[in-house]
Structure formats: C-alpha cells, structure tokens
C-alpha cells in the first residue's frame, strides 16, 4: 500500500514522497491548533479493549465477516486485513477456534493501541488528558481551553 501511494504521489507531482515530507516540515501550519491526547492506565485500557471485542462478537462480527466472504472478499482484500476481520477470517477458514480468534483479536487490538500510544508520544506539544471511566473532567478541560482560545482571537 505504501509503495502504491508513493508511486501515485510521484506520478501526480513528479517528486518523491521524501521531498513532500521535507517541504511540509519547513512550512508553517496553516492554522493554529492544539492536540489533545487521552491517557488511560494501561490495565484499564486493556480491560476496555477486551470488553469491546466481546461486545463486537455479541453484536454479530462473525456474521458480518461471513457475509463479506460470501460477497467475494478474501484475505487479500485490504478491508479483510482490518483488525477483527482477519482474526475472524482465521476462524471461518478453520485455522483457529472461535475462542482462539477472539483471543487473537484482543491481543492484536492491545498491540495496536500500544503502537498508537508510542506514535502519539513522539508528537511535540501534545496536551495529555488523564482519564478513567469518567470523561467529564477531560471534556470540561477541552471546553474551557477552547473558550479561552476564542477570547484571544476575538
């Protein structure tokens, strides 16, 4: 996918992706912005992920993947490589039990969340909001921040 995208960019602009990355870093952003990151205790995050996967299964993830297979999608389809689909596809192809597929999905989702956090932590000037089950404090902080920022631009 990345190679295809790089070729598309080169064909459209006549310049490689590396050039565009270099140039974009030199440009001032077009807008003032702030980035909020949500931080949660890892144990709680993993519990939420596991619960969410269980809910996806209860709401018919297996049937959804089955119907996609019946429509002709297979493991080579980009859509079928998404979290959830590829693990359930293993089950439907007989390469794993349903329980094993669910465990794989939970594990892969936890790993994905960990990679996301690693990526976000590299961003400078991110405002981290520690949350638990109650998002009220985080939402109130963001609303207050926006109100104060709006006053600066009046």
Foldseek 3Di string as FASTA:
>chain_A
DVVVVQVVVCVVPVDGPVVVVVVVVPDDDPDDDAAEAEDEDLVQVLVVLLVVLVVCVVVPLLVVLVVVVVVPDDCPDPVCVDQSNVLSNCCVVVNDPPVVSSVVSSVVVSVVVVVVVVVVVPDPRHHYDYDHPDCVVVVVVVVVVVVVVVVVVD
